[in-house]
Amino acid sequence: MKLTYQIKETDLKKNINQILKTELNISTRLLNKLIKNKQITLNQNECDTRITPSLGDTIEINLAYPENNSNIIPIKMPLNIIYEDEWFMVVNKPAGMPIHPSRLHYTDSLSNGIKYYFNQIRISQKNPSRQSFRF
């Protein structure tokens, strides 16, 4: 999935990092991953996200890049899925259940259950959709 944002007059004193955080609500953690994986472009060119873009410039963010999840063991567990589509899944996580595997919870996290579920329905990041959203 690609997100596209066109620079407005109210963005002119902000750098790309600030725009992505304030206008698209991208977290610092996700922003750092996108920068590291070179998934942010300005006018279809790789860019330094610390620069200030010009009026009418276009920022594109590619969210369909592959990530390594080989350290997560798929474990069958009940999942209370509230909503699901091609790009989003909303799960009602039980209180006390860890989200990610850790030393004390290597096989009983939500990530373990979701990886099992994705394996069962054959979801893979190898064939991402070409869907895009403009802001």
Foldseek 3Di string as FASTA:
>chain_A
DKEKEFDAPVQQVDFQVVCCCPVVVDDPVVVVVQLVVQQKDKQPHRDDRRDGDDHGIMIMGDPLDDDDPVQQAADADDWQWPDDDLPDTDTDDDPPAAAAADPVRRQGHVVNNVVNVCVVVVDDSPDDDPDYHYD
